[in-house]
Amino acid sequence: MKRLVTLATILLVLTLAAVALAAGGLGKFETKITGKGPRTEKGMLDGTWTIDLKSPTSGKLNLSRNGQEAGGGTYVISGSTITLTPKKHGVCTTKGKYTFKLTAKTLTFTKITDTCTERSDVLTAHPWTKVG
């Protein structure tokens, strides 16, 4: 019986996540990076970062730092996996693949594969908080 309740709860959570995505994408999130550690590129990534994932399955990736465009490209979501394709002539030149988890107003990314250290550090340094 306990397993059945656990399974039902998991299915409900997955269904609600799918409905939330279908209703308009993940949304807009912010995170703040500070410090001189390795995941901040010795302070070069410091600032308030914003990511806007408007579409539930794919679309244009909008990424800004302190209100200024700081990258972007496109993304494709499949289940809890997001694949990021950078725009031409950007800092990143290869695709990155991550799992993501949205819990209430908090979005976290976990790297699957990504050779772009800057993108990986920005996405995984801290949880992202929903704004707007």
N, C-alpha and C. Protein backbone atom coordinates (compact mmCIF):
# COMPACT_ATOMS: atom_id res chain seq x y z
N MET A 1 0.82 -1.19 0.00
CA MET A 1 0.00 0.00 0.00
C MET A 1 0.87 1.26 0.00
N LYS A 2 1.95 1.23 0.79
CA LYS A 2 2.85 2.38 0.88
C LYS A 2 3.49 2.66 -0.48
N ARG A 3 3.85 1.59 -1.21
CA ARG A 3 4.44 1.76 -2.54
C ARG A 3 3.43 2.37 -3.51
N LEU A 4 2.19 1.95 -3.40
CA LEU A 4 1.14 2.47 -4.28
C LEU A 4 0.94 3.97 -4.04
N VAL A 5 0.94 4.39 -2.80
CA VAL A 5 0.79 5.81 -2.47
C VAL A 5 2.00 6.59 -3.00
N THR A 6 3.20 6.05 -2.82
CA THR A 6 4.41 6.70 -3.31
C THR A 6 4.36 6.83 -4.83
N LEU A 7 3.99 5.77 -5.52
CA LEU A 7 3.89 5.79 -6.97
C LEU A 7 2.85 6.80 -7.43
N ALA A 8 1.71 6.84 -6.78
CA ALA A 8 0.66 7.79 -7.13
C ALA A 8 1.14 9.22 -6.94
N THR A 9 1.89 9.48 -5.87
CA THR A 9 2.42 10.81 -5.61
C THR A 9 3.41 11.22 -6.70
N ILE A 10 4.29 10.30 -7.07
CA ILE A 10 5.28 10.59 -8.13
C ILE A 10 4.56 10.90 -9.44
N LEU A 11 3.57 10.09 -9.79
CA LEU A 11 2.83 10.33 -11.03
C LEU A 11 2.11 11.67 -11.01
N LEU A 12 1.56 12.05 -9.86
CA LEU A 12 0.89 13.33 -9.73
C LEU A 12 1.87 14.48 -9.94
N VAL A 13 3.04 14.38 -9.32
CA VAL A 13 4.05 15.43 -9.46
C VAL A 13 4.49 15.55 -10.92
N LEU A 14 4.73 14.42 -11.59
CA LEU A 14 5.13 14.45 -13.00
C LEU A 14 4.03 15.05 -13.87
N THR A 15 2.79 14.71 -13.59
CA THR A 15 1.67 15.25 -14.35
C THR A 15 1.56 16.76 -14.15
N LEU A 16 1.69 17.21 -12.92
CA LEU A 16 1.62 18.65 -12.65
C LEU A 16 2.76 19.40 -13.33
N ALA A 17 3.96 18.80 -13.34
CA ALA A 17 5.10 19.43 -14.02
C ALA A 17 4.83 19.53 -15.52
N ALA A 18 4.28 18.49 -16.11
CA ALA A 18 3.96 18.51 -17.54
C ALA A 18 2.90 19.56 -17.85
N VAL A 19 1.89 19.67 -17.00
CA VAL A 19 0.84 20.68 -17.19
C VAL A 19 1.43 22.08 -17.07
N ALA A 20 2.32 22.28 -16.10
CA ALA A 20 2.94 23.60 -15.92
C ALA A 20 3.77 23.96 -17.15
N LEU A 21 4.50 23.02 -17.70
CA LEU A 21 5.28 23.29 -18.89
C LEU A 21 4.38 23.59 -20.07
N ALA A 22 3.32 22.82 -20.23
CA ALA A 22 2.40 23.03 -21.35
C ALA A 22 1.71 24.37 -21.27
N ALA A 23 1.57 24.91 -20.07
CA ALA A 23 0.87 26.17 -19.87
C ALA A 23 1.71 27.38 -20.26
N GLY A 24 2.95 27.19 -20.64
CA GLY A 24 3.72 28.36 -21.06
C GLY A 24 5.19 28.29 -20.75
N GLY A 25 5.76 27.14 -20.68
CA GLY A 25 7.18 27.03 -20.46
C GLY A 25 7.56 27.12 -19.01
N LEU A 26 8.85 27.08 -18.79
CA LEU A 26 9.36 27.15 -17.42
C LEU A 26 9.20 28.54 -16.85
N GLY A 27 9.50 29.56 -17.65
CA GLY A 27 9.38 30.94 -17.20
C GLY A 27 10.72 31.65 -17.12
N LYS A 28 10.75 32.68 -16.30
CA LYS A 28 11.92 33.54 -16.15
C LYS A 28 12.49 33.36 -14.75
N PHE A 29 13.83 33.18 -14.67
CA PHE A 29 14.49 32.89 -13.40
C PHE A 29 15.76 33.72 -13.27
N GLU A 30 16.17 33.96 -12.02
CA GLU A 30 17.41 34.70 -11.73
C GLU A 30 18.27 33.94 -10.74
N THR A 31 19.57 34.17 -10.85
CA THR A 31 20.52 33.69 -9.87
C THR A 31 21.62 34.73 -9.74
N LYS A 32 22.28 34.75 -8.60
CA LYS A 32 23.36 35.71 -8.38
C LYS A 32 24.65 34.95 -8.14
N ILE A 33 25.68 35.34 -8.87
CA ILE A 33 27.00 34.72 -8.74
C ILE A 33 27.97 35.77 -8.21
N THR A 34 28.70 35.41 -7.15
CA THR A 34 29.72 36.30 -6.60
C THR A 34 30.90 35.47 -6.13
N GLY A 35 32.04 36.09 -6.04
CA GLY A 35 33.19 35.42 -5.47
C GLY A 35 34.32 35.25 -6.46
N LYS A 36 35.38 34.68 -5.97
CA LYS A 36 36.59 34.50 -6.78
C LYS A 36 36.94 33.03 -6.95
N GLY A 37 35.98 32.15 -6.68
CA GLY A 37 36.24 30.72 -6.78
C GLY A 37 36.26 30.22 -8.21
N PRO A 38 36.56 28.93 -8.39
CA PRO A 38 36.68 28.36 -9.72
C PRO A 38 35.37 28.38 -10.52
N ARG A 39 34.24 28.28 -9.85
CA ARG A 39 32.97 28.27 -10.58
C ARG A 39 32.47 29.66 -10.92
N THR A 40 33.25 30.69 -10.59
CA THR A 40 32.89 32.06 -10.96
C THR A 40 33.88 32.60 -11.98
N GLU A 41 34.73 31.72 -12.51
CA GLU A 41 35.80 32.15 -13.42
C GLU A 41 36.59 33.28 -12.79
N LYS A 42 36.92 33.10 -11.51
CA LYS A 42 37.71 34.05 -10.72
C LYS A 42 37.06 35.44 -10.68
N GLY A 43 35.73 35.45 -10.59
CA GLY A 43 35.00 36.71 -10.49
C GLY A 43 34.47 37.24 -11.81
N MET A 44 34.90 36.68 -12.92
CA MET A 44 34.46 37.19 -14.23
C MET A 44 32.98 36.93 -14.49
N LEU A 45 32.37 35.99 -13.78
CA LEU A 45 30.95 35.69 -13.98
C LEU A 45 30.06 36.36 -12.93
N ASP A 46 30.65 37.18 -12.07
CA ASP A 46 29.88 37.84 -11.02
C ASP A 46 28.75 38.67 -11.61
N GLY A 47 27.61 38.62 -10.94
CA GLY A 47 26.47 39.43 -11.35
C GLY A 47 25.17 38.70 -11.15
N THR A 48 24.09 39.38 -11.49
CA THR A 48 22.76 38.79 -11.44
C THR A 48 22.41 38.29 -12.84
N TRP A 49 22.22 37.00 -12.94
CA TRP A 49 21.93 36.35 -14.22
C TRP A 49 20.44 36.07 -14.33
N THR A 50 19.90 36.24 -15.52
CA THR A 50 18.50 35.96 -15.79
C THR A 50 18.40 35.04 -16.99
N ILE A 51 17.57 34.02 -16.86
CA ILE A 51 17.32 33.11 -17.98
C ILE A 51 15.81 33.07 -18.20
N ASP A 52 15.42 33.16 -19.48
CA ASP A 52 14.00 33.18 -19.82
C ASP A 52 13.72 32.02 -20.78
N LEU A 53 12.95 31.06 -20.31
CA LEU A 53 12.58 29.89 -21.09
C LEU A 53 11.07 29.94 -21.30
N LYS A 54 10.63 30.66 -22.31
CA LYS A 54 9.22 30.98 -22.51
C LYS A 54 8.40 29.80 -23.02
N SER A 55 8.98 29.01 -23.88
CA SER A 55 8.22 27.94 -24.54
C SER A 55 8.32 26.63 -23.76
N PRO A 56 7.28 25.81 -23.77
CA PRO A 56 7.31 24.56 -23.02
C PRO A 56 8.21 23.48 -23.61
N THR A 57 8.52 23.56 -24.91
CA THR A 57 9.30 22.47 -25.51
C THR A 57 10.56 22.92 -26.23
N SER A 58 10.54 24.10 -26.82
CA SER A 58 11.72 24.60 -27.53
C SER A 58 11.52 26.07 -27.84
N GLY A 59 12.63 26.74 -28.09
CA GLY A 59 12.51 28.16 -28.44
C GLY A 59 13.83 28.88 -28.30
N LYS A 60 13.72 30.19 -28.33
CA LYS A 60 14.88 31.05 -28.19
C LYS A 60 15.27 31.13 -26.72
N LEU A 61 16.54 30.98 -26.45
CA LEU A 61 17.07 31.10 -25.09
C LEU A 61 17.54 32.53 -24.87
N ASN A 62 16.98 33.17 -23.87
CA ASN A 62 17.38 34.53 -23.51
C ASN A 62 18.15 34.47 -22.20
N LEU A 63 19.40 34.92 -22.24
CA LEU A 63 20.26 34.91 -21.06
C LEU A 63 20.87 36.30 -20.92
N SER A 64 20.75 36.87 -19.72
CA SER A 64 21.34 38.20 -19.50
C SER A 64 22.08 38.23 -18.17
N ARG A 65 23.00 39.18 -18.08
CA ARG A 65 23.77 39.41 -16.86
C ARG A 65 23.66 40.89 -16.53
N ASN A 66 23.17 41.19 -15.35
CA ASN A 66 22.97 42.57 -14.91
C ASN A 66 22.16 43.37 -15.93
N GLY A 67 21.16 42.72 -16.53
CA GLY A 67 20.27 43.38 -17.47
C GLY A 67 20.78 43.49 -18.90
N GLN A 68 21.99 43.02 -19.14
CA GLN A 68 22.57 43.09 -20.49
C GLN A 68 22.62 41.69 -21.10
N GLU A 69 22.32 41.60 -22.40
CA GLU A 69 22.38 40.30 -23.07
C GLU A 69 23.76 39.69 -22.85
N ALA A 70 23.77 38.41 -22.48
CA ALA A 70 25.04 37.75 -22.17
C ALA A 70 25.13 36.37 -22.80
N GLY A 71 24.42 36.16 -23.84
CA GLY A 71 24.46 34.86 -24.49
C GLY A 71 23.07 34.49 -24.95
N GLY A 72 22.95 33.29 -25.28
CA GLY A 72 21.66 32.82 -25.74
C GLY A 72 21.82 31.80 -26.85
N GLY A 73 20.78 31.62 -27.57
CA GLY A 73 20.73 30.62 -28.62
C GLY A 73 19.35 30.01 -28.62
N THR A 74 19.29 28.69 -28.66
CA THR A 74 18.02 28.00 -28.63
C THR A 74 18.07 26.86 -27.64
N TYR A 75 16.89 26.35 -27.28
CA TYR A 75 16.82 25.21 -26.38
C TYR A 75 15.73 24.26 -26.84
N VAL A 76 15.89 23.00 -26.45
CA VAL A 76 14.89 21.97 -26.68
C VAL A 76 14.73 21.21 -25.37
N ILE A 77 13.47 21.07 -24.91
CA ILE A 77 13.17 20.33 -23.69
C ILE A 77 12.52 19.01 -24.05
N SER A 78 13.04 17.95 -23.45
CA SER A 78 12.45 16.62 -23.60
C SER A 78 12.39 16.00 -22.22
N GLY A 79 11.19 15.91 -21.66
CA GLY A 79 11.06 15.42 -20.29
C GLY A 79 11.72 16.39 -19.33
N SER A 80 12.71 15.89 -18.58
CA SER A 80 13.44 16.75 -17.65
C SER A 80 14.85 17.05 -18.16
N THR A 81 15.04 16.93 -19.47
CA THR A 81 16.34 17.22 -20.10
C THR A 81 16.21 18.43 -21.00
N ILE A 82 17.19 19.31 -20.93
CA ILE A 82 17.22 20.48 -21.80
C ILE A 82 18.54 20.48 -22.56
N THR A 83 18.45 20.68 -23.88
CA THR A 83 19.63 20.78 -24.73
C THR A 83 19.73 22.21 -25.20
N LEU A 84 20.88 22.83 -24.99
CA LEU A 84 21.11 24.23 -25.34
C LEU A 84 22.04 24.32 -26.54
N THR A 85 21.63 25.07 -27.54
CA THR A 85 22.44 25.30 -28.72
C THR A 85 22.80 26.78 -28.73
N PRO A 86 24.10 27.10 -28.70
CA PRO A 86 24.49 28.52 -28.61
C PRO A 86 24.25 29.25 -29.93
N LYS A 87 24.11 30.58 -29.81
CA LYS A 87 24.02 31.39 -31.02
C LYS A 87 25.41 31.48 -31.64
N LYS A 88 25.44 31.80 -32.92
CA LYS A 88 26.72 31.92 -33.62
C LYS A 88 27.54 33.06 -33.05
N HIS A 89 28.84 32.86 -33.02
CA HIS A 89 29.81 33.86 -32.58
C HIS A 89 29.70 34.18 -31.10
N GLY A 90 29.13 33.29 -30.31
CA GLY A 90 29.05 33.48 -28.87
C GLY A 90 30.26 32.87 -28.18
N VAL A 91 30.31 33.00 -26.87
CA VAL A 91 31.40 32.42 -26.07
C VAL A 91 31.39 30.90 -26.20
N CYS A 92 30.21 30.31 -26.13
CA CYS A 92 30.08 28.86 -26.26
C CYS A 92 29.89 28.50 -27.73
N THR A 93 30.55 27.42 -28.16
CA THR A 93 30.46 27.02 -29.56
C THR A 93 29.88 25.62 -29.73
N THR A 94 29.59 24.95 -28.62
CA THR A 94 29.06 23.59 -28.67
C THR A 94 27.75 23.52 -27.89
N LYS A 95 26.99 22.48 -28.15
CA LYS A 95 25.74 22.26 -27.43
C LYS A 95 26.04 21.81 -26.00
N GLY A 96 25.12 22.10 -25.10
CA GLY A 96 25.20 21.61 -23.72
C GLY A 96 23.91 20.88 -23.39
N LYS A 97 24.04 19.82 -22.61
CA LYS A 97 22.87 19.03 -22.24
C LYS A 97 22.82 18.91 -20.72
N TYR A 98 21.62 19.21 -20.15
CA TYR A 98 21.43 19.24 -18.71
C TYR A 98 20.11 18.58 -18.34
N THR A 99 20.05 18.07 -17.12
CA THR A 99 18.74 17.76 -16.55
C THR A 99 18.35 18.98 -15.75
N PHE A 100 17.06 19.19 -15.60
CA PHE A 100 16.60 20.30 -14.78
C PHE A 100 15.50 19.82 -13.86
N LYS A 101 15.35 20.55 -12.77
CA LYS A 101 14.31 20.23 -11.80
C LYS A 101 13.67 21.53 -11.35
N LEU A 102 12.35 21.59 -11.49
CA LEU A 102 11.60 22.76 -11.05
C LEU A 102 10.79 22.37 -9.83
N THR A 103 11.11 22.98 -8.69
CA THR A 103 10.40 22.73 -7.44
C THR A 103 9.88 24.06 -6.94
N ALA A 104 8.56 24.21 -6.94
CA ALA A 104 7.92 25.48 -6.57
C ALA A 104 8.48 26.58 -7.46
N LYS A 105 9.24 27.51 -6.88
CA LYS A 105 9.80 28.62 -7.66
C LYS A 105 11.31 28.50 -7.85
N THR A 106 11.85 27.30 -7.65
CA THR A 106 13.28 27.09 -7.75
C THR A 106 13.61 26.14 -8.89
N LEU A 107 14.52 26.57 -9.76
CA LEU A 107 14.97 25.78 -10.90
C LEU A 107 16.44 25.44 -10.71
N THR A 108 16.78 24.16 -10.84
CA THR A 108 18.19 23.75 -10.76
C THR A 108 18.56 22.98 -12.02
N PHE A 109 19.81 23.12 -12.40
CA PHE A 109 20.37 22.42 -13.56
C PHE A 109 21.49 21.50 -13.10
N THR A 110 21.56 20.32 -13.71
CA THR A 110 22.66 19.38 -13.48
C THR A 110 23.23 19.01 -14.84
N LYS A 111 24.53 19.21 -14.99
CA LYS A 111 25.18 18.97 -16.27
C LYS A 111 25.20 17.48 -16.61
N ILE A 112 24.81 17.17 -17.84
CA ILE A 112 24.99 15.83 -18.40
C ILE A 112 26.27 15.86 -19.24
N THR A 113 26.30 16.75 -20.24
CA THR A 113 27.49 16.98 -21.05
C THR A 113 27.53 18.44 -21.46
N ASP A 114 28.68 19.05 -21.36
CA ASP A 114 28.87 20.42 -21.82
C ASP A 114 30.36 20.75 -21.75
N THR A 115 30.93 21.12 -22.90
CA THR A 115 32.34 21.49 -22.93
C THR A 115 32.55 22.98 -22.69
N CYS A 116 31.46 23.75 -22.60
CA CYS A 116 31.57 25.19 -22.36
C CYS A 116 31.53 25.44 -20.85
N THR A 117 32.67 25.67 -20.28
CA THR A 117 32.81 25.86 -18.83
C THR A 117 32.00 27.05 -18.33
N GLU A 118 32.02 28.16 -19.07
CA GLU A 118 31.31 29.36 -18.63
C GLU A 118 29.81 29.08 -18.50
N ARG A 119 29.22 28.45 -19.52
CA ARG A 119 27.79 28.16 -19.48
C ARG A 119 27.47 27.20 -18.34
N SER A 120 28.29 26.16 -18.22
CA SER A 120 28.08 25.18 -17.16
C SER A 120 28.16 25.83 -15.78
N ASP A 121 29.14 26.69 -15.59
CA ASP A 121 29.30 27.37 -14.29
C ASP A 121 28.11 28.27 -13.99
N VAL A 122 27.64 29.02 -14.97
CA VAL A 122 26.50 29.92 -14.75
C VAL A 122 25.25 29.11 -14.41
N LEU A 123 25.00 28.05 -15.16
CA LEU A 123 23.77 27.29 -14.95
C LEU A 123 23.76 26.50 -13.65
N THR A 124 24.92 25.99 -13.23
CA THR A 124 24.95 25.06 -12.09
C THR A 124 25.50 25.66 -10.80
N ALA A 125 25.98 26.90 -10.82
CA ALA A 125 26.60 27.48 -9.63
C ALA A 125 25.63 27.57 -8.46
N HIS A 126 24.39 27.99 -8.72
CA HIS A 126 23.39 28.20 -7.68
C HIS A 126 22.01 27.87 -8.24
N PRO A 127 21.06 27.61 -7.38
CA PRO A 127 19.66 27.46 -7.84
C PRO A 127 19.17 28.79 -8.43
N TRP A 128 18.22 28.70 -9.33
CA TRP A 128 17.60 29.85 -9.96
C TRP A 128 16.22 30.06 -9.32
N THR A 129 15.84 31.32 -9.10
CA THR A 129 14.57 31.64 -8.47
C THR A 129 13.65 32.32 -9.50
N LYS A 130 12.41 31.86 -9.54
CA LYS A 130 11.44 32.41 -10.50
C LYS A 130 11.16 33.88 -10.21
N VAL A 131 11.11 34.67 -11.27
CA VAL A 131 10.79 36.10 -11.16
C VAL A 131 9.62 36.40 -12.08
N GLY A 132 8.89 37.46 -11.76
CA GLY A 132 7.80 37.92 -12.59
C GLY A 132 6.64 37.07 -12.75
